[in-house]
Amino acid sequence: MTRTLTQKLNNDDLNDDDLLQAMEFIRRYVVVGLANEMEKSIQKFLEHFGWLHLLDDNKNKCLQHLANRVNIGPYGFHKGSLEWNWIHTVNRYDYQLYLYAQYLFTR
């Protein structure tokens, strides 16, 4: 994600400035939703885009049903495992960007 947002799609090394650029892009242009917070995410999207008035009881029930059916796990790697540490190292800027997106979601 960091590579895409900074347009460094080749094998150039990423750096802290690239992370800051990607964070700024997300802060300014993205409405953050999280799969593990689907119901809250849908509510944020509805409010942000002004779609709340389009909901009736049936549509609201349908959205709630879909939000509750999202399955995001289980994941195969446990934090601290050799595999997780390797993935975290290789994707450290994307991981930091994800943590920032989680922070933005709570605001």
C-alpha atoms as a PDB file:
ATOM      1  CA  MET A   1       0.000   0.000   0.000  1.00  0.00           C
ATOM      2  CA  THR A   2       2.801   2.413   0.866  1.00  0.00           C
ATOM      3  CA  ARG A   3       4.426   1.768  -2.518  1.00  0.00           C
ATOM      4  CA  THR A   4       1.159   2.391  -4.334  1.00  0.00           C
ATOM      5  CA  LEU A   5       0.395   5.626  -2.508  1.00  0.00           C
ATOM      6  CA  THR A   6       3.916   6.972  -3.090  1.00  0.00           C
ATOM      7  CA  GLN A   7       4.108   5.618  -6.658  1.00  0.00           C
ATOM      8  CA  LYS A   8       7.296   3.678  -5.855  1.00  0.00           C
ATOM      9  CA  LEU A   9       6.165   0.557  -7.663  1.00  0.00           C
ATOM     10  CA  ASN A  10       9.628  -0.682  -8.610  1.00  0.00           C
ATOM     11  CA  ASN A  11      12.148  -2.134  -6.187  1.00  0.00           C
ATOM     12  CA  ASP A  12      13.323   1.215  -4.797  1.00  0.00           C
ATOM     13  CA  ASP A  13      13.684   1.111  -1.045  1.00  0.00           C
ATOM     14  CA  LEU A  14      10.996   2.839   0.959  1.00  0.00           C
ATOM     15  CA  ASN A  15      11.942   5.269   3.691  1.00  0.00           C
ATOM     16  CA  ASP A  16      10.310   7.214   6.509  1.00  0.00           C
ATOM     17  CA  ASP A  17       9.432  10.092   4.177  1.00  0.00           C
ATOM     18  CA  ASP A  18       7.486   7.677   1.980  1.00  0.00           C
ATOM     19  CA  LEU A  19       5.547   6.487   5.012  1.00  0.00           C
ATOM     20  CA  LEU A  20       4.748  10.082   5.993  1.00  0.00           C
ATOM     21  CA  GLN A  21       3.566  10.807   2.448  1.00  0.00           C
ATOM     22  CA  ALA A  22       1.288   7.736   2.475  1.00  0.00           C
ATOM     23  CA  MET A  23      -0.062   8.671   5.908  1.00  0.00           C
ATOM     24  CA  GLU A  24      -0.853  12.177   4.729  1.00  0.00           C
ATOM     25  CA  PHE A  25      -2.670  10.808   1.686  1.00  0.00           C
ATOM     26  CA  ILE A  26      -4.821   8.535   3.838  1.00  0.00           C
ATOM     27  CA  ARG A  27      -5.526  11.320   6.327  1.00  0.00           C
ATOM     28  CA  ARG A  28      -6.644  13.727   3.593  1.00  0.00           C
ATOM     29  CA  TYR A  29      -8.405  11.508   1.063  1.00  0.00           C
ATOM     30  CA  VAL A  30      -9.557   8.210   2.583  1.00  0.00           C
ATOM     31  CA  VAL A  31     -12.574   7.344   4.671  1.00  0.00           C
ATOM     32  CA  VAL A  32     -11.107   4.517   6.722  1.00  0.00           C
ATOM     33  CA  GLY A  33     -13.142   1.413   7.436  1.00  0.00           C
ATOM     34  CA  LEU A  34     -11.947  -1.733   9.162  1.00  0.00           C
ATOM     35  CA  ALA A  35     -13.095  -5.270   8.412  1.00  0.00           C
ATOM     36  CA  ASN A  36     -13.086  -6.157  12.103  1.00  0.00           C
ATOM     37  CA  GLU A  37     -15.326  -3.113  12.758  1.00  0.00           C
ATOM     38  CA  MET A  38     -17.657  -3.583   9.801  1.00  0.00           C
ATOM     39  CA  GLU A  39     -20.844  -2.228  11.357  1.00  0.00           C
ATOM     40  CA  LYS A  40     -19.091   0.933  12.561  1.00  0.00           C
ATOM     41  CA  SER A  41     -17.349   1.237   9.179  1.00  0.00           C
ATOM     42  CA  ILE A  42     -20.627   1.077   7.279  1.00  0.00           C
ATOM     43  CA  GLN A  43     -22.069   3.721   9.596  1.00  0.00           C
ATOM     44  CA  LYS A  44     -19.064   5.977   8.923  1.00  0.00           C
ATOM     45  CA  PHE A  45     -19.493   5.552   5.146  1.00  0.00           C
ATOM     46  CA  LEU A  46     -23.210   6.297   5.319  1.00  0.00           C
ATOM     47  CA  GLU A  47     -22.605   9.448   7.345  1.00  0.00           C
ATOM     48  CA  HIS A  48     -19.627  10.654   5.310  1.00  0.00           C
ATOM     49  CA  PHE A  49     -21.311  10.232   1.929  1.00  0.00           C
ATOM     50  CA  GLY A  50     -24.704  11.491   3.127  1.00  0.00           C
ATOM     51  CA  TRP A  51     -26.520   8.214   2.499  1.00  0.00           C
ATOM     52  CA  LEU A  52     -28.291   7.887   5.850  1.00  0.00           C
ATOM     53  CA  HIS A  53     -31.525   9.247   4.408  1.00  0.00           C
ATOM     54  CA  LEU A  54     -31.591   6.377   1.902  1.00  0.00           C
ATOM     55  CA  LEU A  55     -31.988   3.745   4.615  1.00  0.00           C
ATOM     56  CA  ASP A  56     -35.296   2.284   5.590  1.00  0.00           C
ATOM     57  CA  ASP A  57     -35.782  -0.505   8.141  1.00  0.00           C
ATOM     58  CA  ASN A  58     -35.302  -3.302   5.579  1.00  0.00           C
ATOM     59  CA  LYS A  59     -32.111  -1.826   4.127  1.00  0.00           C
ATOM     60  CA  ASN A  60     -30.729  -1.187   7.602  1.00  0.00           C
ATOM     61  CA  LYS A  61     -31.429  -4.789   8.650  1.00  0.00           C
ATOM     62  CA  CYS A  62     -29.758  -6.041   5.473  1.00  0.00           C
ATOM     63  CA  LEU A  63     -26.638  -3.947   6.132  1.00  0.00           C
ATOM     64  CA  GLN A  64     -26.460  -5.147   9.735  1.00  0.00           C
ATOM     65  CA  HIS A  65     -26.837  -8.755   8.588  1.00  0.00           C
ATOM     66  CA  LEU A  66     -24.026  -8.361   6.047  1.00  0.00           C
ATOM     67  CA  ALA A  67     -21.789  -6.576   8.544  1.00  0.00           C
ATOM     68  CA  ASN A  68     -22.184  -9.417  11.016  1.00  0.00           C
ATOM     69  CA  ARG A  69     -21.294 -12.035   8.400  1.00  0.00           C
ATOM     70  CA  VAL A  70     -17.832 -10.658   7.619  1.00  0.00           C
ATOM     71  CA  ASN A  71     -15.219 -13.266   8.459  1.00  0.00           C
ATOM     72  CA  ILE A  72     -11.716 -11.841   8.774  1.00  0.00           C
ATOM     73  CA  GLY A  73      -9.858 -14.734  10.357  1.00  0.00           C
ATOM     74  CA  PRO A  74      -8.400 -16.819  11.659  1.00  0.00           C
ATOM     75  CA  TYR A  75      -4.942 -15.765  10.575  1.00  0.00           C
ATOM     76  CA  GLY A  76      -2.153 -18.258  10.158  1.00  0.00           C
ATOM     77  CA  PHE A  77       0.604 -16.271  11.857  1.00  0.00           C
ATOM     78  CA  HIS A  78       0.756 -15.296  15.481  1.00  0.00           C
ATOM     79  CA  LYS A  79       2.399 -12.031  16.477  1.00  0.00           C
ATOM     80  CA  GLY A  80       5.961 -12.756  17.529  1.00  0.00           C
ATOM     81  CA  SER A  81       6.301 -15.945  15.467  1.00  0.00           C
ATOM     82  CA  LEU A  82       9.174 -16.321  13.014  1.00  0.00           C
ATOM     83  CA  GLU A  83       6.774 -15.951  10.080  1.00  0.00           C
ATOM     84  CA  TRP A  84       5.057 -12.885  11.533  1.00  0.00           C
ATOM     85  CA  ASN A  85       8.390 -11.232  12.296  1.00  0.00           C
ATOM     86  CA  TRP A  86       9.596 -11.812   8.727  1.00  0.00           C
ATOM     87  CA  ILE A  87       6.385 -10.445   7.177  1.00  0.00           C
ATOM     88  CA  HIS A  88       6.447  -7.513   9.585  1.00  0.00           C
ATOM     89  CA  THR A  89      10.056  -6.695   8.665  1.00  0.00           C
ATOM     90  CA  VAL A  90       9.459  -6.905   4.919  1.00  0.00           C
ATOM     91  CA  ASN A  91       6.246  -4.866   5.169  1.00  0.00           C
ATOM     92  CA  ARG A  92       7.149  -2.604   8.054  1.00  0.00           C
ATOM     93  CA  TYR A  93       5.926   0.569   6.368  1.00  0.00           C
ATOM     94  CA  ASP A  94       2.612  -1.011   5.403  1.00  0.00           C
ATOM     95  CA  TYR A  95       2.198  -2.238   8.969  1.00  0.00           C
ATOM     96  CA  GLN A  96       2.829   1.256  10.329  1.00  0.00           C
ATOM     97  CA  LEU A  97       0.385   2.633   7.759  1.00  0.00           C
ATOM     98  CA  TYR A  98      -2.227   0.121   8.937  1.00  0.00           C
ATOM     99  CA  LEU A  99      -1.708   1.178  12.551  1.00  0.00           C
ATOM    100  CA  TYR A 100      -2.180   4.788  11.472  1.00  0.00           C
ATOM    101  CA  ALA A 101      -5.376   3.866   9.624  1.00  0.00           C
ATOM    102  CA  GLN A 102      -6.647   2.183  12.795  1.00  0.00           C
ATOM    103  CA  TYR A 103      -5.917   5.405  14.680  1.00  0.00           C
ATOM    104  CA  LEU A 104      -7.778   7.482  12.074  1.00  0.00           C
ATOM    105  CA  PHE A 105     -10.743   5.129  12.309  1.00  0.00           C
ATOM    106  CA  THR A 106     -11.154   5.956  15.993  1.00  0.00           C
ATOM    107  CA  ARG A 107     -11.215   9.718  15.413  1.00  0.00           C
END
